[in-house]
C-alpha atoms as a PDB file:
ATOM      1  CA  ASN A   1     -65.124 -26.050   7.269  1.00  0.00           C
ATOM      2  CA  ASN A   2     -68.411 -25.476   9.126  1.00  0.00           C
ATOM      3  CA  GLU A   3     -67.346 -21.973  10.167  1.00  0.00           C
ATOM      4  CA  HIS A   4     -66.930 -20.835   6.565  1.00  0.00           C
ATOM      5  CA  GLY A   5     -70.665 -20.755   5.847  1.00  0.00           C
ATOM      6  CA  HIS A   6     -71.258 -18.640   8.921  1.00  0.00           C
ATOM      7  CA  ILE A   7     -68.403 -16.140   8.909  1.00  0.00           C
ATOM      8  CA  GLY A   8     -67.393 -16.085   5.240  1.00  0.00           C
ATOM      9  CA  ASN A   9     -63.969 -15.259   3.814  1.00  0.00           C
ATOM     10  CA  TYR A  10     -61.165 -13.042   5.058  1.00  0.00           C
ATOM     11  CA  TYR A  11     -59.387 -10.591   2.763  1.00  0.00           C
ATOM     12  CA  ASN A  12     -56.394  -8.333   3.078  1.00  0.00           C
ATOM     13  CA  TRP A  13     -57.065  -4.849   1.721  1.00  0.00           C
ATOM     14  CA  SER A  14     -55.375  -5.403  -1.645  1.00  0.00           C
ATOM     15  CA  ALA A  15     -57.525  -8.489  -2.173  1.00  0.00           C
ATOM     16  CA  VAL A  16     -60.781  -6.781  -1.201  1.00  0.00           C
ATOM     17  CA  VAL A  17     -60.137  -3.880  -3.600  1.00  0.00           C
ATOM     18  CA  ALA A  18     -59.171  -6.411  -6.287  1.00  0.00           C
ATOM     19  CA  SER A  19     -55.786  -4.941  -7.092  1.00  0.00           C
ATOM     20  CA  ASN A  20     -52.077  -5.638  -6.760  1.00  0.00           C
ATOM     21  CA  ASN A  21     -51.297  -1.993  -7.507  1.00  0.00           C
ATOM     22  CA  THR A  22     -52.457  -0.061  -4.444  1.00  0.00           C
ATOM     23  CA  ALA A  23     -49.059   1.378  -3.473  1.00  0.00           C
ATOM     24  CA  SER A  24     -49.808   4.743  -5.100  1.00  0.00           C
ATOM     25  CA  PHE A  25     -52.939   5.200  -2.962  1.00  0.00           C
ATOM     26  CA  THR A  26     -51.489   6.847   0.146  1.00  0.00           C
ATOM     27  CA  THR A  27     -53.737   9.854   0.850  1.00  0.00           C
ATOM     28  CA  ASN A  28     -55.896   9.555   3.949  1.00  0.00           C
ATOM     29  CA  GLY A  29     -59.573   9.661   2.942  1.00  0.00           C
ATOM     30  CA  ALA A  30     -59.088   8.644  -0.709  1.00  0.00           C
ATOM     31  CA  ASP A  31     -61.223   5.741  -1.943  1.00  0.00           C
ATOM     32  CA  TYR A  32     -59.889   2.954  -4.135  1.00  0.00           C
ATOM     33  CA  PRO A  33     -62.238   2.729  -7.158  1.00  0.00           C
ATOM     34  CA  ASP A  34     -62.380  -1.067  -7.555  1.00  0.00           C
ATOM     35  CA  SER A  35     -63.415  -3.978  -5.356  1.00  0.00           C
ATOM     36  CA  ILE A  36     -64.461  -7.627  -5.338  1.00  0.00           C
ATOM     37  CA  CYS A  37     -68.109  -6.541  -5.109  1.00  0.00           C
ATOM     38  CA  PRO A  38     -70.449  -7.524  -7.976  1.00  0.00           C
ATOM     39  CA  LYS A  39     -71.533  -5.045 -10.647  1.00  0.00           C
ATOM     40  CA  GLY A  40     -73.716  -2.297  -9.204  1.00  0.00           C
ATOM     41  CA  TRP A  41     -72.198  -2.736  -5.734  1.00  0.00           C
ATOM     42  CA  ARG A  42     -69.134  -1.353  -3.978  1.00  0.00           C
ATOM     43  CA  LEU A  43     -67.249  -1.383  -0.699  1.00  0.00           C
ATOM     44  CA  PRO A  44     -68.450   1.132   1.906  1.00  0.00           C
ATOM     45  CA  HIS A  45     -66.694   4.464   2.220  1.00  0.00           C
ATOM     46  CA  GLY A  46     -64.871   4.560   5.554  1.00  0.00           C
ATOM     47  CA  ASP A  47     -63.665   8.157   5.750  1.00  0.00           C
ATOM     48  CA  SER A  48     -63.096   9.463   9.273  1.00  0.00           C
ATOM     49  CA  SER A  49     -65.496  12.348   8.535  1.00  0.00           C
ATOM     50  CA  SER A  50     -69.010  11.227   9.409  1.00  0.00           C
ATOM     51  CA  SER A  51     -70.507  12.804   6.259  1.00  0.00           C
ATOM     52  CA  GLY A  52     -68.512  10.512   3.990  1.00  0.00           C
ATOM     53  CA  ASN A  53     -68.684   7.319   6.020  1.00  0.00           C
ATOM     54  CA  ASP A  54     -71.223   4.663   5.007  1.00  0.00           C
ATOM     55  CA  PHE A  55     -70.722   2.794   8.279  1.00  0.00           C
ATOM     56  CA  GLN A  56     -71.559   5.980  10.201  1.00  0.00           C
ATOM     57  CA  THR A  57     -74.663   6.466   8.055  1.00  0.00           C
ATOM     58  CA  LEU A  58     -75.776   2.936   8.950  1.00  0.00           C
ATOM     59  CA  ILE A  59     -75.069   3.443  12.653  1.00  0.00           C
ATOM     60  CA  THR A  60     -77.028   6.707  12.669  1.00  0.00           C
ATOM     61  CA  ALA A  61     -79.971   5.137  10.825  1.00  0.00           C
ATOM     62  CA  TYR A  62     -80.266   2.433  13.496  1.00  0.00           C
ATOM     63  CA  GLY A  63     -80.333   4.733  16.510  1.00  0.00           C
ATOM     64  CA  ASN A  64     -76.752   6.043  16.639  1.00  0.00           C
ATOM     65  CA  ILE A  65     -75.459   2.799  18.114  1.00  0.00           C
ATOM     66  CA  THR A  66     -71.988   3.319  19.568  1.00  0.00           C
ATOM     67  CA  ASN A  67     -71.905   1.452  22.900  1.00  0.00           C
ATOM     68  CA  SER A  68     -72.948  -2.028  21.750  1.00  0.00           C
ATOM     69  CA  ASP A  69     -72.883  -4.102  18.565  1.00  0.00           C
ATOM     70  CA  GLN A  70     -76.119  -5.982  19.270  1.00  0.00           C
ATOM     71  CA  THR A  71     -78.054  -4.083  16.603  1.00  0.00           C
ATOM     72  CA  LEU A  72     -75.353  -4.867  14.038  1.00  0.00           C
ATOM     73  CA  LEU A  73     -75.519  -8.566  14.886  1.00  0.00           C
ATOM     74  CA  SER A  74     -79.306  -8.756  14.663  1.00  0.00           C
ATOM     75  CA  THR A  75     -81.846  -8.756  11.840  1.00  0.00           C
ATOM     76  CA  PRO A  76     -81.803  -7.224   9.252  1.00  0.00           C
ATOM     77  CA  LEU A  77     -78.062  -6.416   9.345  1.00  0.00           C
ATOM     78  CA  PHE A  78     -76.475  -9.696  10.462  1.00  0.00           C
ATOM     79  CA  PHE A  79     -72.894  -8.508  10.853  1.00  0.00           C
ATOM     80  CA  VAL A  80     -70.643 -11.117  12.450  1.00  0.00           C
ATOM     81  CA  ARG A  81     -67.860 -10.975  15.042  1.00  0.00           C
ATOM     82  CA  ALA A  82     -65.716 -13.015  12.697  1.00  0.00           C
ATOM     83  CA  GLY A  83     -62.378 -11.926  14.109  1.00  0.00           C
ATOM     84  CA  ASP A  84     -59.308 -11.413  11.907  1.00  0.00           C
ATOM     85  CA  VAL A  85     -56.634 -13.454  10.195  1.00  0.00           C
ATOM     86  CA  TRP A  86     -52.965 -12.645  10.587  1.00  0.00           C
ATOM     87  CA  SER A  87     -49.908 -14.734   9.770  1.00  0.00           C
ATOM     88  CA  GLY A  88     -52.117 -17.678   8.850  1.00  0.00           C
ATOM     89  CA  ALA A  89     -53.987 -17.819  12.174  1.00  0.00           C
ATOM     90  CA  LEU A  90     -57.502 -16.740  13.190  1.00  0.00           C
ATOM     91  CA  TYR A  91     -57.801 -14.309  16.115  1.00  0.00           C
ATOM     92  CA  ASN A  92     -60.645 -12.693  18.080  1.00  0.00           C
ATOM     93  CA  ALA A  93     -63.478 -14.727  16.517  1.00  0.00           C
ATOM     94  CA  ALA A  94     -66.726 -14.250  18.484  1.00  0.00           C
ATOM     95  CA  TYR A  95     -65.220 -11.180  20.187  1.00  0.00           C
ATOM     96  CA  TYR A  96     -64.532  -8.585  17.483  1.00  0.00           C
ATOM     97  CA  GLY A  97     -65.906  -7.765  14.038  1.00  0.00           C
ATOM     98  CA  TYR A  98     -63.774  -6.131  11.342  1.00  0.00           C
ATOM     99  CA  TYR A  99     -65.174  -5.011   7.962  1.00  0.00           C
ATOM    100  CA  TRP A 100     -63.014  -3.337   5.334  1.00  0.00           C
ATOM    101  CA  SER A 101     -63.909  -0.072   3.633  1.00  0.00           C
ATOM    102  CA  SER A 102     -62.539   1.220   0.320  1.00  0.00           C
ATOM    103  CA  THR A 103     -60.853   4.133   2.091  1.00  0.00           C
ATOM    104  CA  VAL A 104     -57.113   4.676   2.413  1.00  0.00           C
ATOM    105  CA  TYR A 105     -55.536   5.703   5.705  1.00  0.00           C
ATOM    106  CA  SER A 106     -51.841   5.745   4.765  1.00  0.00           C
ATOM    107  CA  SER A 107     -49.321   4.017   2.514  1.00  0.00           C
ATOM    108  CA  ASN A 108     -49.758   0.779   4.488  1.00  0.00           C
ATOM    109  CA  GLY A 109     -53.094   1.297   6.263  1.00  0.00           C
ATOM    110  CA  ALA A 110     -56.812   1.462   5.448  1.00  0.00           C
ATOM    111  CA  HIS A 111     -60.042   2.302   7.266  1.00  0.00           C
ATOM    112  CA  TYR A 112     -62.529  -0.306   8.474  1.00  0.00           C
ATOM    113  CA  LEU A 113     -65.527  -0.855  10.752  1.00  0.00           C
ATOM    114  CA  LEU A 114     -64.585  -2.281  14.162  1.00  0.00           C
ATOM    115  CA  PHE A 115     -67.114  -3.468  16.728  1.00  0.00           C
ATOM    116  CA  ALA A 116     -67.502  -5.585  19.839  1.00  0.00           C
ATOM    117  CA  SER A 117     -70.011  -6.016  22.659  1.00  0.00           C
ATOM    118  CA  SER A 118     -69.161  -2.651  24.238  1.00  0.00           C
ATOM    119  CA  PHE A 119     -68.333  -0.368  21.293  1.00  0.00           C
ATOM    120  CA  VAL A 120     -68.842   0.385  17.588  1.00  0.00           C
ATOM    121  CA  TYR A 121     -66.153   2.359  15.736  1.00  0.00           C
ATOM    122  CA  PRO A 122     -67.207   3.296  12.172  1.00  0.00           C
ATOM    123  CA  SER A 123     -63.747   4.436  11.077  1.00  0.00           C
ATOM    124  CA  TYR A 124     -60.883   2.552  12.674  1.00  0.00           C
ATOM    125  CA  TYR A 125     -57.662   1.933  10.758  1.00  0.00           C
ATOM    126  CA  TYR A 126     -54.818  -0.546  10.710  1.00  0.00           C
ATOM    127  CA  TYR A 127     -52.396  -2.380   8.429  1.00  0.00           C
ATOM    128  CA  ARG A 128     -53.647  -3.479   5.018  1.00  0.00           C
ATOM    129  CA  TYR A 129     -52.187  -6.987   5.287  1.00  0.00           C
ATOM    130  CA  TYR A 130     -54.619  -8.150   7.984  1.00  0.00           C
ATOM    131  CA  GLY A 131     -57.467 -10.427   6.928  1.00  0.00           C
ATOM    132  CA  TYR A 132     -60.876  -8.864   7.612  1.00  0.00           C
ATOM    133  CA  SER A 133     -64.456  -9.420   6.474  1.00  0.00           C
ATOM    134  CA  ALA A 134     -66.193  -7.509   3.666  1.00  0.00           C
ATOM    135  CA  ARG A 135     -69.733  -6.229   3.133  1.00  0.00           C
ATOM    136  CA  CYS A 136     -70.818  -4.584  -0.128  1.00  0.00           C
ATOM    137  CA  VAL A 137     -73.372  -1.778  -0.512  1.00  0.00           C
ATOM    138  CA  ALA A 138     -75.470  -0.868  -3.545  1.00  0.00           C
ATOM    139  CA  ARG A 139     -74.159   1.957  -5.692  1.00  0.00           C
ATOM    140  CA  GLY A 140     -76.219   5.094  -6.118  1.00  0.00           C
ATOM    141  CA  PRO A 141     -76.786   6.753  -9.520  1.00  0.00           C
ATOM    142  CA  MET A 142     -73.594   7.561 -11.436  1.00  0.00           C
ATOM    143  CA  TYR A 143     -73.047  11.090 -12.776  1.00  0.00           C
ATOM    144  CA  THR A 144     -70.568  12.595 -15.231  1.00  0.00           C
ATOM    145  CA  ILE A 145     -68.459  15.660 -14.458  1.00  0.00           C
ATOM    146  CA  THR A 146     -67.305  17.457 -17.617  1.00  0.00           C
ATOM    147  CA  TRP A 147     -64.143  19.541 -17.269  1.00  0.00           C
ATOM    148  CA  ASP A 148     -64.268  22.560 -19.645  1.00  0.00           C
ATOM    149  CA  ALA A 149     -60.718  23.925 -19.894  1.00  0.00           C
ATOM    150  CA  ASN A 150     -62.094  27.252 -21.188  1.00  0.00           C
ATOM    151  CA  GLY A 151     -59.535  27.604 -23.993  1.00  0.00           C
ATOM    152  CA  GLY A 152     -56.916  25.324 -22.480  1.00  0.00           C
ATOM    153  CA  ALA A 153     -56.359  21.576 -22.421  1.00  0.00           C
ATOM    154  CA  VAL A 154     -57.207  19.035 -19.708  1.00  0.00           C
ATOM    155  CA  ASP A 155     -56.898  15.295 -19.227  1.00  0.00           C
ATOM    156  CA  PRO A 156     -59.191  13.626 -18.330  1.00  0.00           C
ATOM    157  CA  ALA A 157     -61.992  15.635 -19.901  1.00  0.00           C
ATOM    158  CA  THR A 158     -64.668  13.828 -17.861  1.00  0.00           C
ATOM    159  CA  THR A 159     -64.945  12.082 -14.503  1.00  0.00           C
ATOM    160  CA  THR A 160     -67.674   9.660 -13.411  1.00  0.00           C
ATOM    161  CA  LYS A 161     -68.683   9.658  -9.735  1.00  0.00           C
ATOM    162  CA  GLU A 162     -71.436   8.143  -7.628  1.00  0.00           C
ATOM    163  CA  SER A 163     -74.243  10.403  -6.419  1.00  0.00           C
ATOM    164  CA  GLY A 164     -73.499  11.837  -3.001  1.00  0.00           C
ATOM    165  CA  SER A 165     -69.748  11.249  -3.182  1.00  0.00           C
ATOM    166  CA  ALA A 166     -67.052  13.902  -3.132  1.00  0.00           C
ATOM    167  CA  ILE A 167     -65.402  14.793  -6.443  1.00  0.00           C
ATOM    168  CA  GLY A 168     -61.957  13.881  -5.142  1.00  0.00           C
ATOM    169  CA  THR A 169     -58.793  14.781  -7.045  1.00  0.00           C
ATOM    170  CA  LEU A 170     -59.335  17.639  -9.508  1.00  0.00           C
ATOM    171  CA  PRO A 171     -57.541  17.571 -12.883  1.00  0.00           C
ATOM    172  CA  THR A 172     -55.034  20.307 -13.641  1.00  0.00           C
ATOM    173  CA  PRO A 173     -55.521  22.028 -17.043  1.00  0.00           C
ATOM    174  CA  THR A 174     -52.889  23.952 -19.005  1.00  0.00           C
ATOM    175  CA  LEU A 175     -53.024  27.071 -21.191  1.00  0.00           C
ATOM    176  CA  SER A 176     -49.855  28.616 -22.562  1.00  0.00           C
ATOM    177  CA  GLY A 177     -49.198  32.098 -21.164  1.00  0.00           C
ATOM    178  CA  TYR A 178     -51.799  31.781 -18.395  1.00  0.00           C
ATOM    179  CA  ASN A 179     -51.926  30.706 -14.758  1.00  0.00           C
ATOM    180  CA  PHE A 180     -54.688  28.344 -13.681  1.00  0.00           C
ATOM    181  CA  LEU A 181     -56.929  29.811 -10.933  1.00  0.00           C
ATOM    182  CA  GLY A 182     -59.266  26.882 -10.229  1.00  0.00           C
ATOM    183  CA  TRP A 183     -62.472  25.171 -11.336  1.00  0.00           C
ATOM    184  CA  PHE A 184     -65.721  27.157 -11.198  1.00  0.00           C
ATOM    185  CA  THR A 185     -69.421  26.580 -11.775  1.00  0.00           C
ATOM    186  CA  GLU A 186     -69.582  29.162 -14.606  1.00  0.00           C
ATOM    187  CA  ALA A 187     -67.295  30.049 -17.507  1.00  0.00           C
ATOM    188  CA  SER A 188     -67.084  33.568 -16.081  1.00  0.00           C
ATOM    189  CA  GLY A 189     -67.793  34.219 -12.427  1.00  0.00           C
ATOM    190  CA  GLY A 190     -69.570  31.461 -10.545  1.00  0.00           C
ATOM    191  CA  THR A 191     -68.421  29.582  -7.437  1.00  0.00           C
ATOM    192  CA  GLU A 192     -65.120  27.760  -7.083  1.00  0.00           C
ATOM    193  CA  ILE A 193     -65.383  24.037  -6.377  1.00  0.00           C
ATOM    194  CA  THR A 194     -62.965  21.825  -4.415  1.00  0.00           C
ATOM    195  CA  ASP A 195     -62.139  18.147  -4.069  1.00  0.00           C
ATOM    196  CA  THR A 196     -64.792  17.890  -1.331  1.00  0.00           C
ATOM    197  CA  THR A 197     -67.640  19.241  -3.493  1.00  0.00           C
ATOM    198  CA  THR A 198     -70.492  16.707  -3.555  1.00  0.00           C
ATOM    199  CA  VAL A 199     -71.711  15.196  -6.817  1.00  0.00           C
ATOM    200  CA  THR A 200     -75.517  15.286  -7.216  1.00  0.00           C
ATOM    201  CA  ALA A 201     -76.096  15.457 -11.001  1.00  0.00           C
ATOM    202  CA  ASN A 202     -74.356  15.603 -14.373  1.00  0.00           C
ATOM    203  CA  VAL A 203     -72.434  18.872 -14.330  1.00  0.00           C
ATOM    204  CA  THR A 204     -69.823  20.949 -16.156  1.00  0.00           C
ATOM    205  CA  TYR A 205     -67.087  22.885 -14.389  1.00  0.00           C
ATOM    206  CA  TYR A 206     -64.976  25.583 -16.037  1.00  0.00           C
ATOM    207  CA  ALA A 207     -61.306  26.459 -15.697  1.00  0.00           C
ATOM    208  CA  HIS A 208     -60.535  30.088 -14.866  1.00  0.00           C
ATOM    209  CA  TRP A 209     -57.296  31.733 -15.956  1.00  0.00           C
ATOM    210  CA  GLU A 210     -55.212  34.832 -15.406  1.00  0.00           C
ATOM    211  CA  LEU A 211     -52.565  36.174 -17.766  1.00  0.00           C
ATOM    212  CA  ALA A 212     -49.123  35.125 -16.607  1.00  0.00           C
ATOM    213  CA  LYS A 213     -46.850  37.991 -15.556  1.00  0.00           C
ATOM    214  CA  ILE A 214     -43.848  38.651 -17.766  1.00  0.00           C
ATOM    215  CA  TYR A 215     -40.750  40.096 -16.121  1.00  0.00           C
ATOM    216  CA  MET A 216     -38.429  42.273 -18.208  1.00  0.00           C
ATOM    217  CA  GLN A 217     -34.755  42.973 -17.444  1.00  0.00           C
ATOM    218  CA  ASP A 218     -33.584  46.557 -18.005  1.00  0.00           C
ATOM    219  CA  PHE A 219     -30.647  46.149 -20.380  1.00  0.00           C
ATOM    220  CA  THR A 220     -29.496  49.800 -20.531  1.00  0.00           C
ATOM    221  CA  LEU A 221     -26.025  50.791 -21.634  1.00  0.00           C
ATOM    222  CA  ALA A 222     -25.044  51.425 -18.006  1.00  0.00           C
ATOM    223  CA  ASN A 223     -26.102  47.903 -17.009  1.00  0.00           C
ATOM    224  CA  CYS A 224     -23.987  46.438 -19.791  1.00  0.00           C
ATOM    225  CA  GLN A 225     -20.735  48.109 -18.651  1.00  0.00           C
END
């Protein structure tokens, strides 16, 4: 209809991340890797932490707008108060704008941008089955993380991440007879990294190990009686 050209399509979260297999993504703050965006583009990150939220970055760049959505609605951004679709009906059109992110909130929820005439919330969250709008952003450079198991084995051996993003889930290596201590910036010594470490270049991280303790039972003659 005539509204379609102005407000676009509505997608539930599974549709906007282009997958029917999102049930395993349940950790708050995790980003689903795929989307309906064209090659070289992605859905915005919608983490509740401002440092990892693309909507917050946009809001800050345009004067830290939080009390009104007028800047979002105007040139050059042109967001729309398109409302939402639920149970086959359109609600809140012209009053509220909802734009999905790629970020999980819970087993049945995801983060999104919510705005209206009197507020802008860069990281709201609600059920995944609601129909919201989508806006893609250009990807930054992609970098490769190489996981050096330092004598052990690890799968995957590499991870590809966008510049400026957090590493996310770290692989767990194995080495018989040793306990894994963590991933570090050097093969010996260095600084331990975490799932929140930011990716800024191609890099190699190294597993550190400690010899596993072996416990011996004293089998003396007295103990055997």
